[in-house]
């Protein structure tokens, strides 16, 4: 009889403690969590994500609450990471276009030498160099910081820059030498 009372008290304490911990976490919500590592520009397929229950108080801003299967990713996502809206491309975008932030523009930079070892989703600074005898500009200057690499080919790299910077990059391509520098 004593053993039954001790076992009952132990079970009661354990379930009571679990209930207190659950109450402390607050309301729960189902969110999209990466089941595998996903690359920038890839399309989310069935099985890439799981809808798991997490405490609302611990969710990042913009946590995805519904299954986004079929959407493309703007940035890479690691296994176990809660997916957020900023990582998903606008509707209908895929491939390189999925990596172009809303309102930005993509422009292709031909490779003069071998291209830098960048991958889609990486950030680069765009440096323009001009002949000082032909231009009143500084000989070399950063014309676009934190541009997003959206595509890499053997002879060129396509990057996304803000709308305000795209004309500067186009001018530099036509009148100078453009160098891309990988941002760490």
C-alpha atoms as a PDB file:
ATOM      1  CA  UNK A   1       0.000   0.000   0.000  1.00  0.00           C
ATOM      2  CA  UNK A   2       2.834   2.373   0.910  1.00  0.00           C
ATOM      3  CA  UNK A   3       4.526   1.619  -2.434  1.00  0.00           C
ATOM      4  CA  UNK A   4       1.337   2.541  -4.313  1.00  0.00           C
ATOM      5  CA  UNK A   5       1.089   5.860  -2.438  1.00  0.00           C
ATOM      6  CA  UNK A   6       4.743   6.707  -3.181  1.00  0.00           C
ATOM      7  CA  UNK A   7       4.297   5.805  -6.857  1.00  0.00           C
ATOM      8  CA  UNK A   8       1.130   7.922  -7.031  1.00  0.00           C
ATOM      9  CA  UNK A   9       2.862  10.921  -5.469  1.00  0.00           C
ATOM     10  CA  UNK A  10       5.809  10.567  -7.876  1.00  0.00           C
ATOM     11  CA  UNK A  11       3.493  10.452 -10.910  1.00  0.00           C
ATOM     12  CA  UNK A  12       1.524  13.439  -9.590  1.00  0.00           C
ATOM     13  CA  UNK A  13       4.679  15.511  -9.014  1.00  0.00           C
ATOM     14  CA  UNK A  14       6.069  14.619 -12.461  1.00  0.00           C
ATOM     15  CA  UNK A  15       2.865  15.483 -14.323  1.00  0.00           C
ATOM     16  CA  UNK A  16       2.384  18.631 -12.221  1.00  0.00           C
ATOM     17  CA  UNK A  17       5.941  19.772 -13.034  1.00  0.00           C
ATOM     18  CA  UNK A  18       5.393  19.057 -16.744  1.00  0.00           C
ATOM     19  CA  UNK A  19       2.141  21.024 -16.696  1.00  0.00           C
ATOM     20  CA  UNK A  20       3.884  23.999 -15.020  1.00  0.00           C
ATOM     21  CA  UNK A  21       6.667  23.933 -17.648  1.00  0.00           C
ATOM     22  CA  UNK A  22       4.130  23.796 -20.483  1.00  0.00           C
ATOM     23  CA  UNK A  23       2.203  26.716 -18.950  1.00  0.00           C
ATOM     24  CA  UNK A  24       5.433  28.718 -18.630  1.00  0.00           C
ATOM     25  CA  UNK A  25       6.128  28.275 -22.353  1.00  0.00           C
ATOM     26  CA  UNK A  26       2.749  29.727 -23.251  1.00  0.00           C
ATOM     27  CA  UNK A  27       0.603  29.093 -26.283  1.00  0.00           C
ATOM     28  CA  UNK A  28       1.987  26.754 -28.926  1.00  0.00           C
ATOM     29  CA  UNK A  29       1.835  27.160 -32.715  1.00  0.00           C
ATOM     30  CA  UNK A  30       2.726  24.904 -35.661  1.00  0.00           C
ATOM     31  CA  UNK A  31       5.618  26.341 -37.713  1.00  0.00           C
ATOM     32  CA  UNK A  32       7.609  25.216 -40.752  1.00  0.00           C
ATOM     33  CA  UNK A  33      10.971  23.730 -39.722  1.00  0.00           C
ATOM     34  CA  UNK A  34      13.602  22.563 -42.242  1.00  0.00           C
ATOM     35  CA  UNK A  35      13.989  18.777 -42.198  1.00  0.00           C
ATOM     36  CA  UNK A  36      17.115  18.982 -44.393  1.00  0.00           C
ATOM     37  CA  UNK A  37      19.639  21.638 -45.488  1.00  0.00           C
ATOM     38  CA  UNK A  38      18.184  23.686 -48.356  1.00  0.00           C
ATOM     39  CA  UNK A  39      20.146  25.863 -50.796  1.00  0.00           C
ATOM     40  CA  UNK A  40      19.309  29.409 -51.840  1.00  0.00           C
ATOM     41  CA  UNK A  41      17.296  29.391 -55.053  1.00  0.00           C
ATOM     42  CA  UNK A  42      15.951  25.882 -54.537  1.00  0.00           C
ATOM     43  CA  UNK A  43      12.264  25.026 -54.596  1.00  0.00           C
ATOM     44  CA  UNK A  44      10.797  23.595 -51.395  1.00  0.00           C
ATOM     45  CA  UNK A  45       9.629  20.051 -52.075  1.00  0.00           C
ATOM     46  CA  UNK A  46       7.502  17.628 -50.104  1.00  0.00           C
ATOM     47  CA  UNK A  47       9.550  16.272 -47.199  1.00  0.00           C
ATOM     48  CA  UNK A  48      11.947  19.259 -47.064  1.00  0.00           C
ATOM     49  CA  UNK A  49      10.012  20.761 -44.131  1.00  0.00           C
ATOM     50  CA  UNK A  50       8.045  19.594 -41.122  1.00  0.00           C
ATOM     51  CA  UNK A  51       5.244  21.466 -39.369  1.00  0.00           C
ATOM     52  CA  UNK A  52       6.261  21.273 -35.710  1.00  0.00           C
ATOM     53  CA  UNK A  53       4.702  22.747 -32.593  1.00  0.00           C
ATOM     54  CA  UNK A  54       6.772  25.485 -30.938  1.00  0.00           C
ATOM     55  CA  UNK A  55       6.024  28.058 -28.198  1.00  0.00           C
ATOM     56  CA  UNK A  56       4.852  31.369 -29.685  1.00  0.00           C
ATOM     57  CA  UNK A  57       7.138  33.266 -27.306  1.00  0.00           C
ATOM     58  CA  UNK A  58      10.177  31.541 -28.839  1.00  0.00           C
ATOM     59  CA  UNK A  59       9.294  32.051 -32.509  1.00  0.00           C
ATOM     60  CA  UNK A  60      11.321  34.444 -34.680  1.00  0.00           C
ATOM     61  CA  UNK A  61       9.509  37.352 -36.347  1.00  0.00           C
ATOM     62  CA  UNK A  62       7.920  36.238 -39.601  1.00  0.00           C
ATOM     63  CA  UNK A  63       7.887  32.522 -38.750  1.00  0.00           C
ATOM     64  CA  UNK A  64       6.110  30.582 -41.512  1.00  0.00           C
ATOM     65  CA  UNK A  65       2.925  29.059 -40.067  1.00  0.00           C
ATOM     66  CA  UNK A  66       1.705  27.184 -43.160  1.00  0.00           C
ATOM     67  CA  UNK A  67       3.297  24.671 -45.515  1.00  0.00           C
ATOM     68  CA  UNK A  68       5.214  26.641 -48.209  1.00  0.00           C
ATOM     69  CA  UNK A  69       5.888  23.604 -50.432  1.00  0.00           C
ATOM     70  CA  UNK A  70       6.422  24.760 -54.020  1.00  0.00           C
ATOM     71  CA  UNK A  71       7.900  28.121 -53.012  1.00  0.00           C
ATOM     72  CA  UNK A  72      11.500  29.045 -53.809  1.00  0.00           C
ATOM     73  CA  UNK A  73      14.062  30.043 -51.228  1.00  0.00           C
ATOM     74  CA  UNK A  74      15.735  33.439 -51.279  1.00  0.00           C
ATOM     75  CA  UNK A  75      18.460  32.255 -48.855  1.00  0.00           C
ATOM     76  CA  UNK A  76      19.798  28.921 -47.659  1.00  0.00           C
ATOM     77  CA  UNK A  77      18.179  27.216 -44.667  1.00  0.00           C
ATOM     78  CA  UNK A  78      19.800  24.648 -42.386  1.00  0.00           C
ATOM     79  CA  UNK A  79      18.184  21.524 -41.006  1.00  0.00           C
ATOM     80  CA  UNK A  80      16.249  22.273 -37.816  1.00  0.00           C
ATOM     81  CA  UNK A  81      15.892  25.993 -38.621  1.00  0.00           C
ATOM     82  CA  UNK A  82      12.471  27.625 -38.342  1.00  0.00           C
ATOM     83  CA  UNK A  83      11.618  29.062 -41.756  1.00  0.00           C
ATOM     84  CA  UNK A  84      10.840  32.800 -41.861  1.00  0.00           C
ATOM     85  CA  UNK A  85       9.029  34.844 -44.521  1.00  0.00           C
ATOM     86  CA  UNK A  86      12.193  36.736 -45.525  1.00  0.00           C
ATOM     87  CA  UNK A  87      13.745  33.475 -46.745  1.00  0.00           C
ATOM     88  CA  UNK A  88      10.910  32.768 -49.200  1.00  0.00           C
ATOM     89  CA  UNK A  89      10.843  34.412 -52.632  1.00  0.00           C
ATOM     90  CA  UNK A  90       7.835  36.260 -53.951  1.00  0.00           C
ATOM     91  CA  UNK A  91       5.101  34.243 -55.586  1.00  0.00           C
ATOM     92  CA  UNK A  92       5.986  32.851 -59.000  1.00  0.00           C
ATOM     93  CA  UNK A  93       9.726  33.430 -58.637  1.00  0.00           C
ATOM     94  CA  UNK A  94      12.164  30.570 -59.012  1.00  0.00           C
ATOM     95  CA  UNK A  95      15.860  29.997 -59.693  1.00  0.00           C
ATOM     96  CA  UNK A  96      17.948  33.160 -59.936  1.00  0.00           C
ATOM     97  CA  UNK A  97      14.877  35.434 -59.855  1.00  0.00           C
ATOM     98  CA  UNK A  98      13.971  33.976 -56.442  1.00  0.00           C
ATOM     99  CA  UNK A  99      17.197  35.412 -55.020  1.00  0.00           C
ATOM    100  CA  UNK A 100      16.504  38.990 -56.133  1.00  0.00           C
ATOM    101  CA  UNK A 101      15.113  40.912 -53.131  1.00  0.00           C
ATOM    102  CA  UNK A 102      11.857  42.773 -53.729  1.00  0.00           C
ATOM    103  CA  UNK A 103      12.494  46.094 -55.484  1.00  0.00           C
ATOM    104  CA  UNK A 104      16.092  45.202 -56.400  1.00  0.00           C
ATOM    105  CA  UNK A 105      17.496  44.633 -59.900  1.00  0.00           C
ATOM    106  CA  UNK A 106      19.740  41.865 -61.265  1.00  0.00           C
ATOM    107  CA  UNK A 107      22.670  42.695 -63.527  1.00  0.00           C
ATOM    108  CA  UNK A 108      25.307  40.427 -65.069  1.00  0.00           C
ATOM    109  CA  UNK A 109      28.994  41.172 -64.537  1.00  0.00           C
ATOM    110  CA  UNK A 110      31.273  39.554 -67.152  1.00  0.00           C
ATOM    111  CA  UNK A 111      34.350  37.829 -65.700  1.00  0.00           C
ATOM    112  CA  UNK A 112      37.569  39.503 -66.793  1.00  0.00           C
ATOM    113  CA  UNK A 113      39.742  36.894 -65.115  1.00  0.00           C
ATOM    114  CA  UNK A 114      38.524  33.901 -63.187  1.00  0.00           C
ATOM    115  CA  UNK A 115      35.392  34.679 -61.159  1.00  0.00           C
ATOM    116  CA  UNK A 116      35.569  34.820 -57.366  1.00  0.00           C
ATOM    117  CA  UNK A 117      34.504  31.612 -55.587  1.00  0.00           C
ATOM    118  CA  UNK A 118      30.981  32.770 -54.808  1.00  0.00           C
ATOM    119  CA  UNK A 119      27.714  30.872 -54.779  1.00  0.00           C
ATOM    120  CA  UNK A 120      24.110  32.020 -55.139  1.00  0.00           C
ATOM    121  CA  UNK A 121      23.040  33.754 -51.951  1.00  0.00           C
ATOM    122  CA  UNK A 122      26.542  35.045 -51.098  1.00  0.00           C
ATOM    123  CA  UNK A 123      27.111  38.786 -50.670  1.00  0.00           C
ATOM    124  CA  UNK A 124      29.632  40.790 -52.696  1.00  0.00           C
ATOM    125  CA  UNK A 125      30.735  44.407 -52.878  1.00  0.00           C
ATOM    126  CA  UNK A 126      30.969  45.943 -56.351  1.00  0.00           C
ATOM    127  CA  UNK A 127      34.098  48.036 -56.882  1.00  0.00           C
ATOM    128  CA  UNK A 128      34.476  50.204 -59.965  1.00  0.00           C
ATOM    129  CA  UNK A 129      37.863  51.389 -61.243  1.00  0.00           C
ATOM    130  CA  UNK A 130      38.080  54.235 -63.743  1.00  0.00           C
ATOM    131  CA  UNK A 131      40.951  55.728 -65.735  1.00  0.00           C
ATOM    132  CA  UNK A 132      41.766  58.904 -63.762  1.00  0.00           C
ATOM    133  CA  UNK A 133      42.633  60.726 -66.998  1.00  0.00           C
ATOM    134  CA  UNK A 134      39.124  60.119 -68.376  1.00  0.00           C
ATOM    135  CA  UNK A 135      36.981  60.553 -65.293  1.00  0.00           C
ATOM    136  CA  UNK A 136      36.557  63.075 -62.509  1.00  0.00           C
ATOM    137  CA  UNK A 137      35.553  60.209 -60.200  1.00  0.00           C
ATOM    138  CA  UNK A 138      37.870  58.577 -57.690  1.00  0.00           C
ATOM    139  CA  UNK A 139      39.972  55.931 -59.476  1.00  0.00           C
ATOM    140  CA  UNK A 140      38.368  53.081 -57.476  1.00  0.00           C
ATOM    141  CA  UNK A 141      35.292  53.109 -55.279  1.00  0.00           C
ATOM    142  CA  UNK A 142      32.617  50.803 -53.905  1.00  0.00           C
ATOM    143  CA  UNK A 143      29.521  51.499 -55.964  1.00  0.00           C
ATOM    144  CA  UNK A 144      27.280  48.818 -54.457  1.00  0.00           C
ATOM    145  CA  UNK A 145      27.786  47.154 -51.080  1.00  0.00           C
ATOM    146  CA  UNK A 146      26.242  43.824 -50.086  1.00  0.00           C
ATOM    147  CA  UNK A 147      24.982  42.861 -53.539  1.00  0.00           C
ATOM    148  CA  UNK A 148      23.442  39.382 -53.645  1.00  0.00           C
ATOM    149  CA  UNK A 149      24.898  36.754 -55.976  1.00  0.00           C
ATOM    150  CA  UNK A 150      21.976  35.228 -57.892  1.00  0.00           C
ATOM    151  CA  UNK A 151      23.776  33.163 -60.533  1.00  0.00           C
ATOM    152  CA  UNK A 152      27.326  32.053 -61.288  1.00  0.00           C
ATOM    153  CA  UNK A 153      28.609  30.952 -64.700  1.00  0.00           C
ATOM    154  CA  UNK A 154      32.119  30.319 -66.014  1.00  0.00           C
ATOM    155  CA  UNK A 155      32.229  33.672 -67.817  1.00  0.00           C
ATOM    156  CA  UNK A 156      29.961  35.887 -65.703  1.00  0.00           C
ATOM    157  CA  UNK A 157      28.219  36.408 -62.393  1.00  0.00           C
ATOM    158  CA  UNK A 158      24.731  37.840 -62.008  1.00  0.00           C
ATOM    159  CA  UNK A 159      24.192  39.953 -58.924  1.00  0.00           C
ATOM    160  CA  UNK A 160      21.223  41.788 -57.419  1.00  0.00           C
ATOM    161  CA  UNK A 161      21.686  45.403 -56.355  1.00  0.00           C
ATOM    162  CA  UNK A 162      19.312  48.055 -55.074  1.00  0.00           C
ATOM    163  CA  UNK A 163      17.379  49.982 -57.680  1.00  0.00           C
ATOM    164  CA  UNK A 164      19.366  53.103 -56.725  1.00  0.00           C
ATOM    165  CA  UNK A 165      22.695  51.359 -57.433  1.00  0.00           C
ATOM    166  CA  UNK A 166      21.905  49.541 -60.697  1.00  0.00           C
ATOM    167  CA  UNK A 167      22.658  52.596 -62.877  1.00  0.00           C
ATOM    168  CA  UNK A 168      26.016  53.083 -61.116  1.00  0.00           C
ATOM    169  CA  UNK A 169      26.910  49.450 -61.854  1.00  0.00           C
ATOM    170  CA  UNK A 170      25.804  49.805 -65.487  1.00  0.00           C
ATOM    171  CA  UNK A 171      27.877  52.994 -65.846  1.00  0.00           C
ATOM    172  CA  UNK A 172      30.928  51.258 -64.385  1.00  0.00           C
ATOM    173  CA  UNK A 173      30.508  48.310 -66.763  1.00  0.00           C
ATOM    174  CA  UNK A 174      30.413  50.674 -69.732  1.00  0.00           C
ATOM    175  CA  UNK A 175      33.182  53.049 -68.602  1.00  0.00           C
ATOM    176  CA  UNK A 176      35.516  51.249 -66.247  1.00  0.00           C
ATOM    177  CA  UNK A 177      36.522  47.931 -64.759  1.00  0.00           C
ATOM    178  CA  UNK A 178      34.211  46.217 -62.299  1.00  0.00           C
ATOM    179  CA  UNK A 179      35.588  43.969 -59.575  1.00  0.00           C
ATOM    180  CA  UNK A 180      33.484  41.859 -57.216  1.00  0.00           C
ATOM    181  CA  UNK A 181      34.726  41.315 -53.664  1.00  0.00           C
ATOM    182  CA  UNK A 182      33.287  38.525 -51.529  1.00  0.00           C
ATOM    183  CA  UNK A 183      31.762  39.793 -48.250  1.00  0.00           C
ATOM    184  CA  UNK A 184      32.490  37.623 -45.200  1.00  0.00           C
END
